[in-house]
């Protein structure tokens, strides 16, 4: 399996994977298309043997502690940004356990550093908090008190990885 840059022609597959894996967190394809347009360097797809798409990641610079609401267009990337936001990382069951998720997280960390950002942040859903903790992220308890994850539901966690 290998990661490659996402292209507009991949959005139907990305939308299908999102609908399958995140039925409780629906987003319109236009949200994915906007993230790809605004920050293509942060959008990748995972190719499995046979060149079918087995996963994707959408990410971009953003404002720390103020994650975008679910299924909302953001309009533009803030400048200056204060964190690198992982909007979504999704792998089909066939790709899980391959190490591909860790590979892309490491790539995103390098990308955030190259942009001069000092943290990465995300909202963990679907019981993914333990995975993110293994990647070095921690639940941002200060942000939890202000409930910035409201559109993601009560079991969502805003998570943060500070870069040295």
N, C-alpha and C. Protein backbone atom coordinates (compact mmCIF):
# COMPACT_ATOMS: atom_id res chain seq x y z
N UNK A 1 0.85 -1.18 0.00
CA UNK A 1 0.00 0.00 0.00
C UNK A 1 0.89 1.24 0.00
N UNK A 2 0.41 2.27 -0.67
CA UNK A 2 1.18 3.50 -0.72
C UNK A 2 0.24 4.71 -0.84
N UNK A 3 0.71 5.82 -0.28
CA UNK A 3 -0.03 7.07 -0.33
C UNK A 3 0.38 7.87 -1.56
N UNK A 4 -0.59 8.54 -2.18
CA UNK A 4 -0.30 9.47 -3.27
C UNK A 4 -1.19 10.68 -3.12
N UNK A 5 -0.85 11.74 -3.84
CA UNK A 5 -1.65 12.96 -3.81
C UNK A 5 -3.07 12.66 -4.29
N UNK A 6 -4.03 13.27 -3.61
CA UNK A 6 -5.42 13.15 -4.01
C UNK A 6 -5.66 14.03 -5.24
N UNK A 7 -6.50 13.55 -6.13
CA UNK A 7 -6.89 14.30 -7.32
C UNK A 7 -8.41 14.48 -7.30
N UNK A 8 -8.92 15.48 -8.00
CA UNK A 8 -10.38 15.67 -8.04
C UNK A 8 -11.13 14.41 -8.47
N UNK A 9 -10.54 13.61 -9.34
CA UNK A 9 -11.19 12.37 -9.77
C UNK A 9 -11.31 11.33 -8.69
N UNK A 10 -10.64 11.52 -7.56
CA UNK A 10 -10.71 10.58 -6.43
C UNK A 10 -11.87 10.87 -5.49
N UNK A 11 -12.52 12.02 -5.65
CA UNK A 11 -13.52 12.45 -4.67
C UNK A 11 -14.71 11.51 -4.56
N UNK A 12 -15.09 10.85 -5.62
CA UNK A 12 -16.21 9.89 -5.52
C UNK A 12 -15.83 8.73 -4.60
N UNK A 13 -14.59 8.23 -4.74
CA UNK A 13 -14.13 7.15 -3.85
C UNK A 13 -14.02 7.64 -2.41
N UNK A 14 -13.49 8.83 -2.22
CA UNK A 14 -13.36 9.41 -0.88
C UNK A 14 -14.74 9.55 -0.25
N UNK A 15 -15.69 10.05 -1.00
CA UNK A 15 -17.05 10.21 -0.51
C UNK A 15 -17.65 8.86 -0.13
N UNK A 16 -17.41 7.85 -0.94
CA UNK A 16 -17.93 6.51 -0.65
C UNK A 16 -17.33 5.92 0.61
N UNK A 17 -16.02 6.09 0.79
CA UNK A 17 -15.37 5.59 2.00
C UNK A 17 -15.90 6.33 3.22
N UNK A 18 -16.03 7.64 3.12
CA UNK A 18 -16.54 8.43 4.25
C UNK A 18 -17.95 7.99 4.63
N UNK A 19 -18.81 7.78 3.65
CA UNK A 19 -20.18 7.36 3.93
C UNK A 19 -20.21 5.98 4.60
N UNK A 20 -19.31 5.12 4.18
CA UNK A 20 -19.26 3.76 4.75
C UNK A 20 -18.71 3.77 6.18
N UNK A 21 -17.64 4.53 6.41
CA UNK A 21 -16.96 4.49 7.70
C UNK A 21 -17.49 5.49 8.73
N UNK A 22 -18.10 6.56 8.26
CA UNK A 22 -18.57 7.62 9.17
C UNK A 22 -20.06 7.92 8.97
N UNK A 23 -20.93 6.91 9.06
CA UNK A 23 -22.35 7.19 8.81
C UNK A 23 -22.96 8.17 9.80
N UNK A 24 -22.39 8.29 10.99
CA UNK A 24 -22.91 9.22 11.99
C UNK A 24 -22.33 10.63 11.85
N UNK A 25 -21.39 10.79 10.91
CA UNK A 25 -20.73 12.09 10.70
C UNK A 25 -20.75 12.44 9.21
N UNK A 26 -21.94 12.55 8.62
CA UNK A 26 -22.00 12.78 7.17
C UNK A 26 -21.48 14.15 6.76
N UNK A 27 -20.78 14.15 5.64
CA UNK A 27 -20.31 15.40 5.05
C UNK A 27 -20.56 15.36 3.56
N UNK A 28 -20.92 16.50 3.01
CA UNK A 28 -21.15 16.61 1.57
C UNK A 28 -19.82 16.52 0.83
N UNK A 29 -19.86 16.01 -0.37
CA UNK A 29 -18.65 15.92 -1.19
C UNK A 29 -18.02 17.30 -1.41
N UNK A 30 -18.83 18.33 -1.40
CA UNK A 30 -18.30 19.68 -1.60
C UNK A 30 -17.32 20.07 -0.49
N UNK A 31 -17.48 19.52 0.72
CA UNK A 31 -16.56 19.78 1.82
C UNK A 31 -15.20 19.18 1.48
N UNK A 32 -15.20 17.93 0.99
CA UNK A 32 -13.95 17.28 0.61
C UNK A 32 -13.29 18.01 -0.56
N UNK A 33 -14.10 18.42 -1.52
CA UNK A 33 -13.57 19.13 -2.69
C UNK A 33 -12.95 20.46 -2.27
N UNK A 34 -13.59 21.16 -1.33
CA UNK A 34 -13.04 22.43 -0.88
C UNK A 34 -11.70 22.23 -0.18
N UNK A 35 -11.61 21.23 0.71
CA UNK A 35 -10.33 20.98 1.40
C UNK A 35 -9.23 20.67 0.39
N UNK A 36 -9.55 19.87 -0.62
CA UNK A 36 -8.57 19.54 -1.67
C UNK A 36 -8.15 20.80 -2.43
N UNK A 37 -9.10 21.65 -2.74
CA UNK A 37 -8.79 22.89 -3.47
C UNK A 37 -7.96 23.85 -2.63
N UNK A 38 -8.29 23.97 -1.34
CA UNK A 38 -7.62 24.93 -0.48
C UNK A 38 -6.22 24.51 -0.05
N UNK A 39 -6.03 23.19 0.15
CA UNK A 39 -4.71 22.72 0.60
C UNK A 39 -4.42 21.33 0.01
N UNK A 40 -4.14 21.27 -1.27
CA UNK A 40 -3.91 19.96 -1.91
C UNK A 40 -2.75 19.19 -1.30
N UNK A 41 -1.75 19.89 -0.73
CA UNK A 41 -0.62 19.18 -0.13
C UNK A 41 -1.01 18.35 1.08
N UNK A 42 -2.17 18.61 1.64
CA UNK A 42 -2.63 17.87 2.82
C UNK A 42 -3.66 16.80 2.51
N UNK A 43 -3.90 16.54 1.24
CA UNK A 43 -4.93 15.58 0.84
C UNK A 43 -4.27 14.42 0.09
N UNK A 44 -4.45 13.21 0.61
CA UNK A 44 -3.82 12.02 0.04
C UNK A 44 -4.82 10.88 0.01
N UNK A 45 -4.57 9.93 -0.89
CA UNK A 45 -5.34 8.69 -0.92
C UNK A 45 -4.37 7.53 -0.77
N UNK A 46 -4.87 6.46 -0.17
CA UNK A 46 -4.09 5.26 0.03
C UNK A 46 -4.45 4.26 -1.06
N UNK A 47 -3.44 3.87 -1.83
CA UNK A 47 -3.66 2.89 -2.89
C UNK A 47 -3.30 1.50 -2.39
N UNK A 48 -4.21 0.58 -2.59
CA UNK A 48 -3.97 -0.82 -2.26
C UNK A 48 -3.49 -1.53 -3.52
N UNK A 49 -3.07 -2.77 -3.36
CA UNK A 49 -2.67 -3.57 -4.52
C UNK A 49 -3.82 -3.55 -5.52
N UNK A 50 -3.50 -3.42 -6.77
CA UNK A 50 -4.54 -3.31 -7.79
C UNK A 50 -4.97 -1.87 -8.00
N UNK A 51 -4.35 -0.94 -7.28
CA UNK A 51 -4.55 0.50 -7.45
C UNK A 51 -5.96 0.98 -7.10
N UNK A 52 -6.66 0.29 -6.21
CA UNK A 52 -7.94 0.81 -5.74
C UNK A 52 -7.70 1.62 -4.46
N UNK A 53 -8.56 2.58 -4.21
CA UNK A 53 -8.40 3.48 -3.08
C UNK A 53 -8.95 2.81 -1.82
N UNK A 54 -8.05 2.66 -0.83
CA UNK A 54 -8.38 1.97 0.42
C UNK A 54 -8.45 2.93 1.61
N UNK A 55 -8.22 4.21 1.36
CA UNK A 55 -8.29 5.18 2.44
C UNK A 55 -7.94 6.57 1.96
N UNK A 56 -8.06 7.53 2.84
CA UNK A 56 -7.75 8.92 2.48
C UNK A 56 -7.42 9.71 3.75
N UNK A 57 -6.78 10.85 3.54
CA UNK A 57 -6.58 11.83 4.60
C UNK A 57 -6.83 13.21 4.01
N UNK A 58 -7.50 14.05 4.79
CA UNK A 58 -7.73 15.46 4.45
C UNK A 58 -7.19 16.28 5.61
N UNK A 59 -6.32 17.24 5.32
CA UNK A 59 -5.71 18.03 6.38
C UNK A 59 -5.30 19.39 5.84
N UNK A 60 -5.13 20.35 6.76
CA UNK A 60 -4.80 21.71 6.34
C UNK A 60 -4.42 22.56 7.54
N UNK A 61 -3.72 23.66 7.31
CA UNK A 61 -3.45 24.60 8.41
C UNK A 61 -4.76 25.18 8.94
N UNK A 62 -4.78 25.50 10.26
CA UNK A 62 -6.00 26.02 10.86
C UNK A 62 -5.67 26.78 12.15
N UNK A 63 -6.72 27.12 12.91
CA UNK A 63 -6.57 27.84 14.17
C UNK A 63 -6.72 26.87 15.35
N UNK A 64 -5.74 26.87 16.21
CA UNK A 64 -5.71 25.98 17.37
C UNK A 64 -6.92 26.22 18.28
N UNK A 65 -7.55 25.12 18.69
CA UNK A 65 -8.68 25.20 19.61
C UNK A 65 -10.00 25.59 18.98
N UNK A 66 -10.01 25.81 17.66
CA UNK A 66 -11.24 26.21 16.97
C UNK A 66 -11.47 25.32 15.74
N UNK A 67 -11.67 24.02 15.94
CA UNK A 67 -11.84 23.13 14.79
C UNK A 67 -13.07 23.50 13.97
N UNK A 68 -13.00 23.31 12.66
CA UNK A 68 -14.18 23.59 11.84
C UNK A 68 -15.34 22.66 12.22
N UNK A 69 -16.52 23.19 12.18
CA UNK A 69 -17.70 22.36 12.44
C UNK A 69 -17.85 21.31 11.34
N UNK A 70 -18.49 20.25 11.67
CA UNK A 70 -18.74 19.16 10.74
C UNK A 70 -19.60 19.63 9.57
N UNK A 71 -19.24 19.23 8.37
CA UNK A 71 -20.00 19.48 7.16
C UNK A 71 -20.21 20.97 6.87
N UNK A 72 -19.16 21.75 7.12
CA UNK A 72 -19.22 23.19 6.88
C UNK A 72 -18.04 23.59 6.00
N UNK A 73 -18.32 24.41 4.99
CA UNK A 73 -17.25 24.95 4.16
C UNK A 73 -16.47 25.98 4.98
N UNK A 74 -15.15 26.00 4.83
CA UNK A 74 -14.33 26.91 5.64
C UNK A 74 -13.95 28.18 4.88
N UNK A 75 -14.09 28.18 3.56
CA UNK A 75 -13.85 29.38 2.77
C UNK A 75 -12.41 29.63 2.41
N UNK A 76 -11.54 29.60 3.41
CA UNK A 76 -10.12 29.86 3.16
C UNK A 76 -9.30 29.29 4.30
N UNK A 77 -8.00 29.19 4.07
CA UNK A 77 -7.06 28.77 5.10
C UNK A 77 -6.64 30.04 5.85
N UNK A 78 -6.72 30.06 7.18
CA UNK A 78 -6.34 31.26 7.92
C UNK A 78 -4.84 31.54 7.80
N UNK A 79 -4.52 32.82 7.78
CA UNK A 79 -3.13 33.22 7.74
C UNK A 79 -2.94 34.36 8.73
N UNK A 80 -2.14 34.17 9.75
CA UNK A 80 -1.34 32.96 9.96
C UNK A 80 -2.18 31.86 10.62
N UNK A 81 -1.82 30.64 10.35
CA UNK A 81 -2.43 29.49 11.01
C UNK A 81 -1.65 29.19 12.27
N UNK A 82 -2.30 28.53 13.24
CA UNK A 82 -1.61 28.21 14.49
C UNK A 82 -1.51 26.72 14.78
N UNK A 83 -2.09 25.89 13.91
CA UNK A 83 -2.00 24.44 14.05
C UNK A 83 -2.17 23.80 12.69
N UNK A 84 -1.79 22.55 12.59
CA UNK A 84 -2.06 21.78 11.38
C UNK A 84 -3.19 20.82 11.74
N UNK A 85 -4.33 20.97 11.09
CA UNK A 85 -5.56 20.26 11.44
C UNK A 85 -5.76 19.04 10.55
N UNK A 86 -5.93 17.90 11.17
CA UNK A 86 -6.26 16.67 10.42
C UNK A 86 -7.78 16.55 10.43
N UNK A 87 -8.36 16.88 9.31
CA UNK A 87 -9.83 16.87 9.19
C UNK A 87 -10.36 15.45 9.24
N UNK A 88 -9.70 14.54 8.54
CA UNK A 88 -10.18 13.15 8.52
C UNK A 88 -9.07 12.23 8.03
N UNK A 89 -8.93 11.11 8.69
CA UNK A 89 -8.08 10.01 8.25
C UNK A 89 -8.95 8.77 8.32
N UNK A 90 -9.17 8.14 7.19
CA UNK A 90 -10.07 6.98 7.14
C UNK A 90 -9.44 5.89 6.30
N UNK A 91 -9.41 4.68 6.86
CA UNK A 91 -8.92 3.50 6.14
C UNK A 91 -9.99 2.42 6.15
N UNK A 92 -10.22 1.83 5.00
CA UNK A 92 -11.13 0.69 4.94
C UNK A 92 -10.57 -0.45 5.79
N UNK A 93 -11.43 -1.34 6.28
CA UNK A 93 -10.95 -2.44 7.12
C UNK A 93 -9.81 -3.25 6.48
N UNK A 94 -9.83 -3.38 5.18
CA UNK A 94 -8.80 -4.15 4.48
C UNK A 94 -7.42 -3.51 4.60
N UNK A 95 -7.36 -2.23 4.88
CA UNK A 95 -6.08 -1.50 4.98
C UNK A 95 -5.60 -1.33 6.41
N UNK A 96 -6.46 -1.59 7.36
CA UNK A 96 -6.08 -1.41 8.77
C UNK A 96 -5.06 -2.45 9.18
N UNK A 97 -4.16 -2.05 10.04
CA UNK A 97 -3.11 -2.95 10.51
C UNK A 97 -1.92 -3.02 9.57
N UNK A 98 -1.96 -2.27 8.49
CA UNK A 98 -0.87 -2.29 7.49
C UNK A 98 0.26 -1.32 7.85
N UNK A 99 0.02 -0.46 8.83
CA UNK A 99 1.00 0.57 9.17
C UNK A 99 0.81 1.84 8.35
N UNK A 100 -0.12 1.83 7.42
CA UNK A 100 -0.33 2.97 6.53
C UNK A 100 -0.79 4.22 7.27
N UNK A 101 -1.59 4.06 8.32
CA UNK A 101 -2.06 5.22 9.07
C UNK A 101 -0.88 5.91 9.77
N UNK A 102 0.00 5.12 10.36
CA UNK A 102 1.17 5.71 11.02
C UNK A 102 2.07 6.40 10.01
N UNK A 103 2.22 5.81 8.84
CA UNK A 103 3.05 6.41 7.79
C UNK A 103 2.52 7.79 7.42
N UNK A 104 1.22 7.92 7.22
CA UNK A 104 0.69 9.22 6.80
C UNK A 104 0.72 10.22 7.94
N UNK A 105 0.52 9.78 9.17
CA UNK A 105 0.63 10.70 10.30
C UNK A 105 2.05 11.25 10.37
N UNK A 106 3.05 10.41 10.19
CA UNK A 106 4.44 10.88 10.18
C UNK A 106 4.68 11.87 9.05
N UNK A 107 4.08 11.62 7.88
CA UNK A 107 4.21 12.57 6.76
C UNK A 107 3.56 13.91 7.11
N UNK A 108 2.39 13.87 7.75
CA UNK A 108 1.70 15.11 8.12
C UNK A 108 2.50 15.89 9.16
N UNK A 109 3.15 15.20 10.08
CA UNK A 109 4.00 15.87 11.07
C UNK A 109 5.14 16.59 10.36
N UNK A 110 5.79 15.92 9.42
CA UNK A 110 6.87 16.57 8.65
C UNK A 110 6.34 17.77 7.88
N UNK A 111 5.16 17.64 7.29
CA UNK A 111 4.55 18.72 6.52
C UNK A 111 4.26 19.92 7.44
N UNK A 112 3.69 19.66 8.62
CA UNK A 112 3.39 20.73 9.56
C UNK A 112 4.66 21.46 9.97
N UNK A 113 5.71 20.71 10.23
CA UNK A 113 6.99 21.34 10.58
C UNK A 113 7.51 22.20 9.43
N UNK A 114 7.40 21.69 8.20
CA UNK A 114 7.88 22.44 7.04
C UNK A 114 7.11 23.75 6.88
N UNK A 115 5.86 23.76 7.32
CA UNK A 115 5.05 24.98 7.26
C UNK A 115 5.32 25.91 8.43
N UNK A 116 6.15 25.46 9.37
CA UNK A 116 6.48 26.28 10.53
C UNK A 116 5.45 26.23 11.64
N UNK A 117 4.57 25.24 11.61
CA UNK A 117 3.53 25.12 12.64
C UNK A 117 4.07 24.32 13.82
N UNK A 118 3.58 24.63 15.01
CA UNK A 118 4.11 24.01 16.22
C UNK A 118 3.20 22.96 16.83
N UNK A 119 2.10 22.65 16.15
CA UNK A 119 1.20 21.61 16.66
C UNK A 119 0.37 21.03 15.53
N UNK A 120 -0.19 19.86 15.81
CA UNK A 120 -1.22 19.25 14.97
C UNK A 120 -2.42 19.03 15.88
N UNK A 121 -3.61 19.14 15.31
CA UNK A 121 -4.81 18.92 16.10
C UNK A 121 -5.85 18.20 15.25
N UNK A 122 -6.83 17.63 15.92
CA UNK A 122 -7.88 16.86 15.24
C UNK A 122 -9.00 16.60 16.22
N UNK A 123 -10.11 16.12 15.69
CA UNK A 123 -11.20 15.64 16.53
C UNK A 123 -11.28 14.14 16.32
N UNK A 124 -11.11 13.40 17.41
CA UNK A 124 -11.18 11.93 17.36
C UNK A 124 -12.63 11.50 17.57
N UNK A 125 -13.11 10.66 16.66
CA UNK A 125 -14.47 10.11 16.74
C UNK A 125 -14.40 8.60 16.52
N UNK A 126 -15.53 7.95 16.66
CA UNK A 126 -15.63 6.50 16.41
C UNK A 126 -14.64 5.69 17.23
N UNK A 127 -14.36 6.12 18.45
CA UNK A 127 -13.47 5.36 19.32
C UNK A 127 -12.01 5.38 18.89
N UNK A 128 -11.62 6.39 18.11
CA UNK A 128 -10.24 6.43 17.60
C UNK A 128 -9.24 7.09 18.54
N UNK A 129 -9.68 7.57 19.69
CA UNK A 129 -8.77 8.24 20.62
C UNK A 129 -7.54 7.39 20.95
N UNK A 130 -7.66 6.09 21.24
CA UNK A 130 -6.46 5.29 21.54
C UNK A 130 -5.46 5.27 20.37
N UNK A 131 -5.93 5.20 19.14
CA UNK A 131 -5.01 5.24 17.99
C UNK A 131 -4.22 6.54 18.02
N UNK A 132 -4.91 7.67 18.19
CA UNK A 132 -4.24 8.96 18.17
C UNK A 132 -3.29 9.12 19.34
N UNK A 133 -3.65 8.56 20.50
CA UNK A 133 -2.72 8.60 21.63
C UNK A 133 -1.44 7.84 21.30
N UNK A 134 -1.54 6.73 20.60
CA UNK A 134 -0.34 5.98 20.20
C UNK A 134 0.52 6.79 19.23
N UNK A 135 -0.07 7.74 18.54
CA UNK A 135 0.68 8.60 17.61
C UNK A 135 1.27 9.82 18.32
N UNK A 136 1.03 9.93 19.62
CA UNK A 136 1.60 11.04 20.40
C UNK A 136 0.62 12.15 20.72
N UNK A 137 -0.61 12.06 20.26
CA UNK A 137 -1.62 13.08 20.54
C UNK A 137 -2.19 12.87 21.95
N UNK A 138 -2.69 13.95 22.53
CA UNK A 138 -3.35 13.90 23.84
C UNK A 138 -4.65 14.68 23.75
N UNK A 139 -5.63 14.25 24.53
CA UNK A 139 -6.89 14.99 24.60
C UNK A 139 -6.60 16.37 25.16
N UNK A 140 -7.11 17.39 24.48
CA UNK A 140 -6.92 18.77 24.91
C UNK A 140 -8.01 19.09 25.93
N UNK A 141 -7.69 18.89 27.20
CA UNK A 141 -8.67 19.06 28.28
C UNK A 141 -9.15 20.50 28.42
N UNK A 142 -8.29 21.46 28.17
CA UNK A 142 -8.70 22.87 28.25
C UNK A 142 -9.75 23.18 27.21
N UNK A 143 -9.56 22.68 25.99
CA UNK A 143 -10.54 22.92 24.93
C UNK A 143 -11.83 22.17 25.19
N UNK A 144 -11.74 21.00 25.82
CA UNK A 144 -12.93 20.21 26.10
C UNK A 144 -13.91 20.98 26.98
N UNK A 145 -13.39 21.82 27.85
CA UNK A 145 -14.25 22.60 28.74
C UNK A 145 -15.11 23.59 27.98
N UNK A 146 -14.65 24.01 26.79
CA UNK A 146 -15.44 24.95 25.98
C UNK A 146 -16.25 24.25 24.90
N UNK A 147 -16.17 22.93 24.83
CA UNK A 147 -16.92 22.09 23.89
C UNK A 147 -16.80 22.54 22.43
N UNK A 148 -15.57 22.63 21.89
CA UNK A 148 -15.44 23.01 20.48
C UNK A 148 -15.87 21.90 19.53
N UNK A 149 -16.14 20.71 20.04
CA UNK A 149 -16.49 19.58 19.19
C UNK A 149 -17.99 19.36 19.10
N UNK A 150 -18.79 20.33 19.47
CA UNK A 150 -20.23 20.16 19.54
C UNK A 150 -20.88 19.50 18.34
N UNK A 151 -20.48 19.83 17.13
CA UNK A 151 -21.13 19.25 15.96
C UNK A 151 -20.73 17.79 15.74
N UNK A 152 -19.74 17.33 16.47
CA UNK A 152 -19.26 15.95 16.31
C UNK A 152 -19.87 15.00 17.33
N UNK A 153 -20.61 15.49 18.29
CA UNK A 153 -21.25 14.63 19.27
C UNK A 153 -20.48 14.56 20.57
N UNK A 154 -21.13 13.96 21.56
CA UNK A 154 -20.60 13.93 22.91
C UNK A 154 -19.38 13.07 23.12
N UNK A 155 -19.14 12.09 22.25
CA UNK A 155 -17.99 11.20 22.46
C UNK A 155 -16.75 11.66 21.69
N UNK A 156 -16.81 12.83 21.07
CA UNK A 156 -15.68 13.35 20.30
C UNK A 156 -14.66 13.97 21.24
N UNK A 157 -13.39 13.85 20.86
CA UNK A 157 -12.31 14.46 21.63
C UNK A 157 -11.46 15.33 20.74
N UNK A 158 -11.25 16.59 21.16
CA UNK A 158 -10.27 17.43 20.50
C UNK A 158 -8.91 16.99 21.00
N UNK A 159 -8.01 16.67 20.06
CA UNK A 159 -6.70 16.14 20.44
C UNK A 159 -5.60 17.01 19.85
N UNK A 160 -4.47 17.01 20.53
CA UNK A 160 -3.37 17.91 20.18
C UNK A 160 -2.04 17.18 20.27
N UNK A 161 -1.18 17.46 19.32
CA UNK A 161 0.21 17.00 19.36
C UNK A 161 1.08 18.23 19.21
N UNK A 162 1.82 18.56 20.28
CA UNK A 162 2.75 19.69 20.23
C UNK A 162 4.06 19.21 19.64
N UNK A 163 4.60 19.99 18.71
CA UNK A 163 5.87 19.63 18.08
C UNK A 163 7.00 20.31 18.83
N UNK A 164 8.09 19.57 19.00
CA UNK A 164 9.26 20.11 19.72
C UNK A 164 9.98 21.10 18.83
